Amino acid sequence: HNLEMKHLPGADPELVLLSHRYEELERISLSDMTRDEINQLVQDLGFYRKETPDAPVPEEFQFAPARPLPTLLPHQAPAGGSKTPPDRDQGKHPDL
């Protein structure tokens, strides 16, 4: 579930992990892995494996392996009456 396989003739096999916005997060080479190792990797990453192609997916796995977005705290006014907004961390999201 939530895994799509595309065959690209002549390309080395790799697993490309995307964010919910379809932005590339990571590429994992699969060239030196066996089928069992690849299946274990996908399971370790949190993908849900359906029993049959048309089997329902439990609600808790609908967006697997994605992690829920963190709850943001309400914006707080800066102390001292300053109208300058507080600095925000411009780094990457910790779950991505």
PDB file of N, CA and C in Angstrom:
ATOM      1  N   HIS A   1       0.842  -1.179   0.000  1.00  0.00           N
ATOM      2  CA  HIS A   1       0.000   0.000   0.000  1.00  0.00           C
ATOM      3  C   HIS A   1       0.884   1.238   0.000  1.00  0.00           C
ATOM      4  N   ASN A   2       0.560   2.232  -0.797  1.00  0.00           N
ATOM      5  CA  ASN A   2       1.299   3.485  -0.934  1.00  0.00           C
ATOM      6  C   ASN A   2       2.701   3.282  -1.499  1.00  0.00           C
ATOM      7  N   LEU A   3       2.868   2.228  -2.281  1.00  0.00           N
ATOM      8  CA  LEU A   3       4.146   1.972  -2.924  1.00  0.00           C
ATOM      9  C   LEU A   3       3.862   1.726  -4.402  1.00  0.00           C
ATOM     10  N   GLU A   4       4.555   2.437  -5.251  1.00  0.00           N
ATOM     11  CA  GLU A   4       4.362   2.282  -6.688  1.00  0.00           C
ATOM     12  C   GLU A   4       5.682   1.854  -7.307  1.00  0.00           C
ATOM     13  N   MET A   5       5.629   0.834  -8.158  1.00  0.00           N
ATOM     14  CA  MET A   5       6.837   0.335  -8.801  1.00  0.00           C
ATOM     15  C   MET A   5       6.822   0.726 -10.267  1.00  0.00           C
ATOM     16  N   LYS A   6       7.934   1.301 -10.717  1.00  0.00           N
ATOM     17  CA  LYS A   6       8.067   1.670 -12.121  1.00  0.00           C
ATOM     18  C   LYS A   6       9.335   1.024 -12.662  1.00  0.00           C
ATOM     19  N   HIS A   7       9.210   0.338 -13.777  1.00  0.00           N
ATOM     20  CA  HIS A   7      10.366  -0.258 -14.439  1.00  0.00           C
ATOM     21  C   HIS A   7      10.938   0.759 -15.416  1.00  0.00           C
ATOM     22  N   LEU A   8      12.219   1.085 -15.244  1.00  0.00           N
ATOM     23  CA  LEU A   8      12.899   2.001 -16.148  1.00  0.00           C
ATOM     24  C   LEU A   8      14.013   1.206 -16.836  1.00  0.00           C
ATOM     25  N   PRO A   9      13.825   0.815 -18.081  1.00  0.00           N
ATOM     26  CA  PRO A   9      14.819   0.004 -18.772  1.00  0.00           C
ATOM     27  C   PRO A   9      16.209   0.642 -18.736  1.00  0.00           C
ATOM     28  N   GLY A  10      17.197  -0.153 -18.339  1.00  0.00           N
ATOM     29  CA  GLY A  10      18.588   0.313 -18.302  1.00  0.00           C
ATOM     30  C   GLY A  10      18.981   1.039 -17.032  1.00  0.00           C
ATOM     31  N   ALA A  11      18.038   1.379 -16.184  1.00  0.00           N
ATOM     32  CA  ALA A  11      18.344   2.113 -14.951  1.00  0.00           C
ATOM     33  C   ALA A  11      18.627   1.122 -13.817  1.00  0.00           C
ATOM     34  N   ASP A  12      19.538   1.493 -12.924  1.00  0.00           N
ATOM     35  CA  ASP A  12      19.786   0.685 -11.736  1.00  0.00           C
ATOM     36  C   ASP A  12      18.564   0.791 -10.830  1.00  0.00           C
ATOM     37  N   PRO A  13      18.163  -0.321 -10.216  1.00  0.00           N
ATOM     38  CA  PRO A  13      16.980  -0.267  -9.352  1.00  0.00           C
ATOM     39  C   PRO A  13      17.247   0.517  -8.077  1.00  0.00           C
ATOM     40  N   GLU A  14      16.310   1.374  -7.729  1.00  0.00           N
ATOM     41  CA  GLU A  14      16.424   2.138  -6.498  1.00  0.00           C
ATOM     42  C   GLU A  14      15.038   2.444  -5.962  1.00  0.00           C
ATOM     43  N   LEU A  15      14.980   2.611  -4.652  1.00  0.00           N
ATOM     44  CA  LEU A  15      13.745   2.992  -3.972  1.00  0.00           C
ATOM     45  C   LEU A  15      13.824   4.491  -3.733  1.00  0.00           C
ATOM     46  N   VAL A  16      12.832   5.228  -4.220  1.00  0.00           N
ATOM     47  CA  VAL A  16      12.796   6.679  -4.049  1.00  0.00           C
ATOM     48  C   VAL A  16      11.663   6.990  -3.083  1.00  0.00           C
ATOM     49  N   LEU A  17      12.000   7.576  -1.943  1.00  0.00           N
ATOM     50  CA  LEU A  17      11.006   7.944  -0.939  1.00  0.00           C
ATOM     51  C   LEU A  17      10.591   9.392  -1.164  1.00  0.00           C
ATOM     52  N   LEU A  18       9.284   9.625  -1.202  1.00  0.00           N
ATOM     53  CA  LEU A  18       8.740  10.960  -1.458  1.00  0.00           C
ATOM     54  C   LEU A  18       7.938  11.444  -0.266  1.00  0.00           C
ATOM     55  N   SER A  19       7.893  12.756  -0.096  1.00  0.00           N
ATOM     56  CA  SER A  19       7.065  13.362   0.952  1.00  0.00           C
ATOM     57  C   SER A  19       5.619  13.398   0.481  1.00  0.00           C
ATOM     58  N   HIS A  20       4.731  13.840   1.356  1.00  0.00           N
ATOM     59  CA  HIS A  20       3.319  13.954   0.974  1.00  0.00           C
ATOM     60  C   HIS A  20       3.122  14.994  -0.130  1.00  0.00           C
ATOM     61  N   ARG A  21       4.130  15.835  -0.369  1.00  0.00           N
ATOM     62  CA  ARG A  21       4.086  16.831  -1.448  1.00  0.00           C
ATOM     63  C   ARG A  21       4.841  16.332  -2.680  1.00  0.00           C
ATOM     64  N   TYR A  22       5.180  15.034  -2.689  1.00  0.00           N
ATOM     65  CA  TYR A  22       5.905  14.402  -3.780  1.00  0.00           C
ATOM     66  C   TYR A  22       7.305  14.975  -3.962  1.00  0.00           C
ATOM     67  N   GLU A  23       7.886  15.473  -2.883  1.00  0.00           N
ATOM     68  CA  GLU A  23       9.274  15.938  -2.910  1.00  0.00           C
ATOM     69  C   GLU A  23      10.156  14.758  -2.537  1.00  0.00           C
ATOM     70  N   GLU A  24      11.276  14.618  -3.232  1.00  0.00           N
ATOM     71  CA  GLU A  24      12.177  13.507  -2.967  1.00  0.00           C
ATOM     72  C   GLU A  24      12.846  13.675  -1.603  1.00  0.00           C
ATOM     73  N   LEU A  25      12.759  12.614  -0.784  1.00  0.00           N
ATOM     74  CA  LEU A  25      13.375  12.618   0.539  1.00  0.00           C
ATOM     75  C   LEU A  25      14.670  11.823   0.558  1.00  0.00           C
ATOM     76  N   GLU A  26      14.661  10.681  -0.129  1.00  0.00           N
ATOM     77  CA  GLU A  26      15.813   9.791  -0.078  1.00  0.00           C
ATOM     78  C   GLU A  26      15.763   8.813  -1.239  1.00  0.00           C
ATOM     79  N   ARG A  27      16.952   8.384  -1.683  1.00  0.00           N
ATOM     80  CA  ARG A  27      17.087   7.332  -2.695  1.00  0.00           C
ATOM     81  C   ARG A  27      17.920   6.215  -2.099  1.00  0.00           C
ATOM     82  N   ILE A  28      17.415   4.998  -2.213  1.00  0.00           N
ATOM     83  CA  ILE A  28      18.116   3.837  -1.672  1.00  0.00           C
ATOM     84  C   ILE A  28      18.383   2.880  -2.821  1.00  0.00           C
ATOM     85  N   SER A  29      19.651   2.582  -3.071  1.00  0.00           N
ATOM     86  CA  SER A  29      20.027   1.654  -4.130  1.00  0.00           C
ATOM     87  C   SER A  29      19.588   0.244  -3.761  1.00  0.00           C
ATOM     88  N   LEU A  30      18.995  -0.448  -4.719  1.00  0.00           N
ATOM     89  CA  LEU A  30      18.542  -1.815  -4.508  1.00  0.00           C
ATOM     90  C   LEU A  30      19.369  -2.816  -5.301  1.00  0.00           C
ATOM     91  N   SER A  31      20.397  -2.356  -6.006  1.00  0.00           N
ATOM     92  CA  SER A  31      21.185  -3.197  -6.906  1.00  0.00           C
ATOM     93  C   SER A  31      21.781  -4.425  -6.236  1.00  0.00           C
ATOM     94  N   ASP A  32      22.302  -4.258  -5.036  1.00  0.00           N
ATOM     95  CA  ASP A  32      23.001  -5.346  -4.365  1.00  0.00           C
ATOM     96  C   ASP A  32      22.122  -6.097  -3.372  1.00  0.00           C
ATOM     97  N   MET A  33      20.805  -5.894  -3.440  1.00  0.00           N
ATOM     98  CA  MET A  33      19.903  -6.518  -2.477  1.00  0.00           C
ATOM     99  C   MET A  33      19.131  -7.654  -3.125  1.00  0.00           C
ATOM    100  N   THR A  34      18.841  -8.675  -2.329  1.00  0.00           N
ATOM    101  CA  THR A  34      17.990  -9.773  -2.793  1.00  0.00           C
ATOM    102  C   THR A  34      16.530  -9.363  -2.644  1.00  0.00           C
ATOM    103  N   ARG A  35      15.642 -10.146  -3.235  1.00  0.00           N
ATOM    104  CA  ARG A  35      14.207  -9.871  -3.110  1.00  0.00           C
ATOM    105  C   ARG A  35      13.784  -9.887  -1.641  1.00  0.00           C
ATOM    106  N   ASP A  36      14.287 -10.853  -0.865  1.00  0.00           N
ATOM    107  CA  ASP A  36      13.950 -10.919   0.564  1.00  0.00           C
ATOM    108  C   ASP A  36      14.444  -9.692   1.319  1.00  0.00           C
ATOM    109  N   GLU A  37      15.651  -9.219   0.987  1.00  0.00           N
ATOM    110  CA  GLU A  37      16.193  -8.021   1.640  1.00  0.00           C
ATOM    111  C   GLU A  37      15.367  -6.781   1.294  1.00  0.00           C
ATOM    112  N   ILE A  38      14.926  -6.690   0.053  1.00  0.00           N
ATOM    113  CA  ILE A  38      14.100  -5.552  -0.361  1.00  0.00           C
ATOM    114  C   ILE A  38      12.750  -5.600   0.356  1.00  0.00           C
ATOM    115  N   ASN A  39      12.143  -6.779   0.428  1.00  0.00           N
ATOM    116  CA  ASN A  39      10.870  -6.917   1.141  1.00  0.00           C
ATOM    117  C   ASN A  39      11.031  -6.532   2.608  1.00  0.00           C
ATOM    118  N   GLN A  40      12.139  -6.933   3.239  1.00  0.00           N
ATOM    119  CA  GLN A  40      12.382  -6.582   4.639  1.00  0.00           C
ATOM    120  C   GLN A  40      12.592  -5.075   4.791  1.00  0.00           C
ATOM    121  N   LEU A  41      13.321  -4.456   3.863  1.00  0.00           N
ATOM    122  CA  LEU A  41      13.543  -3.011   3.898  1.00  0.00           C
ATOM    123  C   LEU A  41      12.219  -2.261   3.835  1.00  0.00           C
ATOM    124  N   VAL A  42      11.358  -2.642   2.898  1.00  0.00           N
ATOM    125  CA  VAL A  42      10.065  -1.973   2.748  1.00  0.00           C
ATOM    126  C   VAL A  42       9.232  -2.135   4.022  1.00  0.00           C
ATOM    127  N   GLN A  43       9.270  -3.324   4.599  1.00  0.00           N
ATOM    128  CA  GLN A  43       8.538  -3.554   5.850  1.00  0.00           C
ATOM    129  C   GLN A  43       9.138  -2.709   6.977  1.00  0.00           C
ATOM    130  N   ASP A  44      10.474  -2.652   7.068  1.00  0.00           N
ATOM    131  CA  ASP A  44      11.135  -1.861   8.109  1.00  0.00           C
ATOM    132  C   ASP A  44      10.827  -0.368   7.971  1.00  0.00           C
ATOM    133  N   LEU A  45      10.610   0.085   6.745  1.00  0.00           N
ATOM    134  CA  LEU A  45      10.277   1.495   6.515  1.00  0.00           C
ATOM    135  C   LEU A  45       8.839   1.823   6.907  1.00  0.00           C
ATOM    136  N   GLY A  46       8.022   0.794   7.154  1.00  0.00           N
ATOM    137  CA  GLY A  46       6.665   1.027   7.636  1.00  0.00           C
ATOM    138  C   GLY A  46       5.573   0.901   6.603  1.00  0.00           C
ATOM    139  N   PHE A  47       5.894   0.401   5.401  1.00  0.00           N
ATOM    140  CA  PHE A  47       4.857   0.201   4.400  1.00  0.00           C
ATOM    141  C   PHE A  47       3.969  -0.957   4.829  1.00  0.00           C
ATOM    142  N   TYR A  48       2.695  -0.881   4.501  1.00  0.00           N
ATOM    143  CA  TYR A  48       1.729  -1.916   4.842  1.00  0.00           C
ATOM    144  C   TYR A  48       1.581  -2.869   3.664  1.00  0.00           C
ATOM    145  N   ARG A  49       1.654  -4.166   3.938  1.00  0.00           N
ATOM    146  CA  ARG A  49       1.498  -5.163   2.887  1.00  0.00           C
ATOM    147  C   ARG A  49       0.110  -5.787   2.988  1.00  0.00           C
ATOM    148  N   LYS A  50      -0.675  -5.605   1.937  1.00  0.00           N
ATOM    149  CA  LYS A  50      -2.015  -6.176   1.904  1.00  0.00           C
ATOM    150  C   LYS A  50      -1.920  -7.672   1.620  1.00  0.00           C
ATOM    151  N   GLU A  51      -2.899  -8.419   2.133  1.00  0.00           N
ATOM    152  CA  GLU A  51      -2.939  -9.865   1.907  1.00  0.00           C
ATOM    153  C   GLU A  51      -3.201 -10.187   0.430  1.00  0.00           C
ATOM    154  N   THR A  52      -4.093  -9.429  -0.191  1.00  0.00           N
ATOM    155  CA  THR A  52      -4.407  -9.571  -1.607  1.00  0.00           C
ATOM    156  C   THR A  52      -4.505  -8.173  -2.196  1.00  0.00           C
ATOM    157  N   PRO A  53      -4.327  -8.038  -3.514  1.00  0.00           N
ATOM    158  CA  PRO A  53      -4.369  -6.694  -4.112  1.00  0.00           C
ATOM    159  C   PRO A  53      -5.640  -5.903  -3.827  1.00  0.00           C
ATOM    160  N   ASP A  54      -6.786  -6.581  -3.681  1.00  0.00           N
ATOM    161  CA  ASP A  54      -8.034  -5.863  -3.450  1.00  0.00           C
ATOM    162  C   ASP A  54      -8.457  -5.843  -1.975  1.00  0.00           C
ATOM    163  N   ALA A  55      -7.583  -6.291  -1.075  1.00  0.00           N
ATOM    164  CA  ALA A  55      -7.903  -6.301   0.359  1.00  0.00           C
ATOM    165  C   ALA A  55      -7.971  -4.877   0.901  1.00  0.00           C
ATOM    166  N   PRO A  56      -8.852  -4.634   1.869  1.00  0.00           N
ATOM    167  CA  PRO A  56      -8.928  -3.294   2.461  1.00  0.00           C
ATOM    168  C   PRO A  56      -7.690  -3.001   3.306  1.00  0.00           C
ATOM    169  N   VAL A  57      -7.376  -1.730   3.430  1.00  0.00           N
ATOM    170  CA  VAL A  57      -6.239  -1.291   4.237  1.00  0.00           C
ATOM    171  C   VAL A  57      -6.791  -0.736   5.544  1.00  0.00           C
ATOM    172  N   PRO A  58      -6.318  -1.234   6.703  1.00  0.00           N
ATOM    173  CA  PRO A  58      -6.798  -0.697   7.978  1.00  0.00           C
ATOM    174  C   PRO A  58      -6.576   0.812   8.053  1.00  0.00           C
ATOM    175  N   GLU A  59      -7.478   1.498   8.725  1.00  0.00           N
ATOM    176  CA  GLU A  59      -7.428   2.956   8.801  1.00  0.00           C
ATOM    177  C   GLU A  59      -6.078   3.475   9.287  1.00  0.00           C
ATOM    178  N   GLU A  60      -5.490   2.802  10.287  1.00  0.00           N
ATOM    179  CA  GLU A  60      -4.218   3.279  10.843  1.00  0.00           C
ATOM    180  C   GLU A  60      -3.060   3.181   9.858  1.00  0.00           C
ATOM    181  N   PHE A  61      -3.251   2.455   8.739  1.00  0.00           N
ATOM    182  CA  PHE A  61      -2.199   2.323   7.738  1.00  0.00           C
ATOM    183  C   PHE A  61      -2.523   3.063   6.442  1.00  0.00           C
ATOM    184  N   GLN A  62      -3.603   3.832   6.396  1.00  0.00           N
ATOM    185  CA  GLN A  62      -4.003   4.520   5.179  1.00  0.00           C
ATOM    186  C   GLN A  62      -2.890   5.405   4.619  1.00  0.00           C
ATOM    187  N   PHE A  63      -2.141   6.076   5.480  1.00  0.00           N
ATOM    188  CA  PHE A  63      -1.090   6.977   5.030  1.00  0.00           C
ATOM    189  C   PHE A  63       0.296   6.434   5.338  1.00  0.00           C
ATOM    190  N   ALA A  64       0.385   5.155   5.701  1.00  0.00           N
ATOM    191  CA  ALA A  64       1.672   4.536   6.017  1.00  0.00           C
ATOM    192  C   ALA A  64       2.554   4.550   4.784  1.00  0.00           C
ATOM    193  N   PRO A  65       3.816   4.794   4.942  1.00  0.00           N
ATOM    194  CA  PRO A  65       4.567   4.907   6.182  1.00  0.00           C
ATOM    195  C   PRO A  65       4.703   6.332   6.681  1.00  0.00           C
ATOM    196  N   ALA A  66       3.933   7.269   6.123  1.00  0.00           N
ATOM    197  CA  ALA A  66       4.049   8.669   6.529  1.00  0.00           C
ATOM    198  C   ALA A  66       3.754   8.833   8.014  1.00  0.00           C
ATOM    199  N   ARG A  67       4.467   9.753   8.620  1.00  0.00           N
ATOM    200  CA  ARG A  67       4.226  10.083  10.025  1.00  0.00           C
ATOM    201  C   ARG A  67       3.317  11.299  10.071  1.00  0.00           C
ATOM    202  N   PRO A  68       2.477  11.413  11.091  1.00  0.00           N
ATOM    203  CA  PRO A  68       1.600  12.580  11.174  1.00  0.00           C
ATOM    204  C   PRO A  68       2.411  13.864  11.338  1.00  0.00           C
ATOM    205  N   LEU A  69       1.855  14.944  10.834  1.00  0.00           N
ATOM    206  CA  LEU A  69       2.511  16.237  10.996  1.00  0.00           C
ATOM    207  C   LEU A  69       2.483  16.630  12.464  1.00  0.00           C
ATOM    208  N   PRO A  70       3.534  17.290  12.954  1.00  0.00           N
ATOM    209  CA  PRO A  70       3.550  17.686  14.365  1.00  0.00           C
ATOM    210  C   PRO A  70       2.493  18.747  14.636  1.00  0.00           C
ATOM    211  N   THR A  71       2.006  18.764  15.857  1.00  0.00           N
ATOM    212  CA  THR A  71       1.042  19.783  16.266  1.00  0.00           C
ATOM    213  C   THR A  71       1.810  21.074  16.518  1.00  0.00           C
ATOM    214  N   LEU A  72       1.391  22.141  15.872  1.00  0.00           N
ATOM    215  CA  LEU A  72       2.059  23.427  16.038  1.00  0.00           C
ATOM    216  C   LEU A  72       1.433  24.180  17.193  1.00  0.00           C
ATOM    217  N   LEU A  73       2.281  24.839  17.963  1.00  0.00           N
ATOM    218  CA  LEU A  73       1.794  25.659  19.061  1.00  0.00           C
ATOM    219  C   LEU A  73       1.233  26.955  18.493  1.00  0.00           C
ATOM    220  N   PRO A  74       0.209  27.529  19.136  1.00  0.00           N
ATOM    221  CA  PRO A  74      -0.324  28.803  18.641  1.00  0.00           C
ATOM    222  C   PRO A  74       0.756  29.878  18.676  1.00  0.00           C
ATOM    223  N   HIS A  75       0.736  30.766  17.722  1.00  0.00           N
ATOM    224  CA  HIS A  75       1.714  31.852  17.646  1.00  0.00           C
ATOM    225  C   HIS A  75       1.586  32.743  18.886  1.00  0.00           C
ATOM    226  N   GLN A  76       2.705  32.979  19.544  1.00  0.00           N
ATOM    227  CA  GLN A  76       2.696  33.813  20.747  1.00  0.00           C
ATOM    228  C   GLN A  76       3.266  35.185  20.413  1.00  0.00           C
ATOM    229  N   ALA A  77       2.662  36.214  20.978  1.00  0.00           N
ATOM    230  CA  ALA A  77       3.145  37.582  20.762  1.00  0.00           C
ATOM    231  C   ALA A  77       4.494  37.744  21.446  1.00  0.00           C
ATOM    232  N   PRO A  78       5.454  38.442  20.814  1.00  0.00           N
ATOM    233  CA  PRO A  78       6.752  38.651  21.440  1.00  0.00           C
ATOM    234  C   PRO A  78       6.620  39.523  22.688  1.00  0.00           C
ATOM    235  N   ALA A  79       7.479  39.261  23.649  1.00  0.00           N
ATOM    236  CA  ALA A  79       7.476  40.022  24.908  1.00  0.00           C
ATOM    237  C   ALA A  79       7.962  41.448  24.658  1.00  0.00           C
ATOM    238  N   GLY A  80       7.545  42.387  25.497  1.00  0.00           N
ATOM    239  CA  GLY A  80       8.033  43.759  25.423  1.00  0.00           C
ATOM    240  C   GLY A  80       7.312  44.611  24.397  1.00  0.00           C
ATOM    241  N   GLY A  81       6.244  44.128  23.816  1.00  0.00           N
ATOM    242  CA  GLY A  81       5.475  44.943  22.881  1.00  0.00           C
ATOM    243  C   GLY A  81       6.131  45.114  21.534  1.00  0.00           C
ATOM    244  N   SER A  82       7.210  44.399  21.248  1.00  0.00           N
ATOM    245  CA  SER A  82       7.876  44.512  19.959  1.00  0.00           C
ATOM    246  C   SER A  82       6.972  43.964  18.866  1.00  0.00           C
ATOM    247  N   LYS A  83       6.991  44.610  17.700  1.00  0.00           N
ATOM    248  CA  LYS A  83       6.184  44.140  16.584  1.00  0.00           C
ATOM    249  C   LYS A  83       6.982  43.222  15.659  1.00  0.00           C
ATOM    250  N   THR A  84       8.225  42.929  16.025  1.00  0.00           N
ATOM    251  CA  THR A  84       9.057  42.058  15.219  1.00  0.00           C
ATOM    252  C   THR A  84       8.691  40.610  15.494  1.00  0.00           C
ATOM    253  N   PRO A  85       8.359  39.840  14.464  1.00  0.00           N
ATOM    254  CA  PRO A  85       7.999  38.447  14.703  1.00  0.00           C
ATOM    255  C   PRO A  85       9.221  37.650  15.179  1.00  0.00           C
ATOM    256  N   PRO A  86       8.983  36.592  15.969  1.00  0.00           N
ATOM    257  CA  PRO A  86      10.110  35.798  16.449  1.00  0.00           C
ATOM    258  C   PRO A  86      10.765  35.046  15.298  1.00  0.00           C
ATOM    259  N   ASP A  87      12.071  34.750  15.469  1.00  0.00           N
ATOM    260  CA  ASP A  87      12.789  33.971  14.457  1.00  0.00           C
ATOM    261  C   ASP A  87      12.211  32.568  14.423  1.00  0.00           C
ATOM    262  N   ARG A  88      12.066  32.040  13.234  1.00  0.00           N
ATOM    263  CA  ARG A  88      11.579  30.670  13.071  1.00  0.00           C
ATOM    264  C   ARG A  88      12.692  29.825  12.477  1.00  0.00           C
ATOM    265  N   ASP A  89      12.747  28.591  12.883  1.00  0.00           N
ATOM    266  CA  ASP A  89      13.740  27.670  12.366  1.00  0.00           C
ATOM    267  C   ASP A  89      13.447  27.404  10.895  1.00  0.00           C
ATOM    268  N   GLN A  90      14.396  27.690  10.035  1.00  0.00           N
ATOM    269  CA  GLN A  90      14.217  27.488   8.588  1.00  0.00           C
ATOM    270  C   GLN A  90      14.750  26.131   8.148  1.00  0.00           C
ATOM    271  N   GLY A  91      15.120  25.262   9.104  1.00  0.00           N
ATOM    272  CA  GLY A  91      15.637  23.943   8.767  1.00  0.00           C
ATOM    273  C   GLY A  91      14.561  23.021   8.250  1.00  0.00           C
ATOM    274  N   LYS A  92      14.985  21.813   7.912  1.00  0.00           N
ATOM    275  CA  LYS A  92      14.042  20.825   7.385  1.00  0.00           C
ATOM    276  C   LYS A  92      13.169  20.284   8.490  1.00  0.00           C
ATOM    277  N   HIS A  93      12.003  19.815   8.109  1.00  0.00           N
ATOM    278  CA  HIS A  93      11.082  19.170   9.043  1.00  0.00           C
ATOM    279  C   HIS A  93      11.778  17.956   9.634  1.00  0.00           C
ATOM    280  N   PRO A  94      11.725  17.732  10.966  1.00  0.00           N
ATOM    281  CA  PRO A  94      12.467  16.628  11.586  1.00  0.00           C
ATOM    282  C   PRO A  94      12.029  15.249  11.109  1.00  0.00           C
ATOM    283  N   ASP A  95      10.811  15.064  10.614  1.00  0.00           N
ATOM    284  CA  ASP A  95      10.362  13.758  10.157  1.00  0.00           C
ATOM    285  C   ASP A  95      10.663  13.498   8.696  1.00  0.00           C
ATOM    286  N   LEU A  96      11.211  14.487   7.985  1.00  0.00           N
ATOM    287  CA  LEU A  96      11.440  14.306   6.557  1.00  0.00           C
ATOM    288  C   LEU A  96      12.860  13.925   6.295  1.00  0.00           C
TER     289      LEU A  96
END
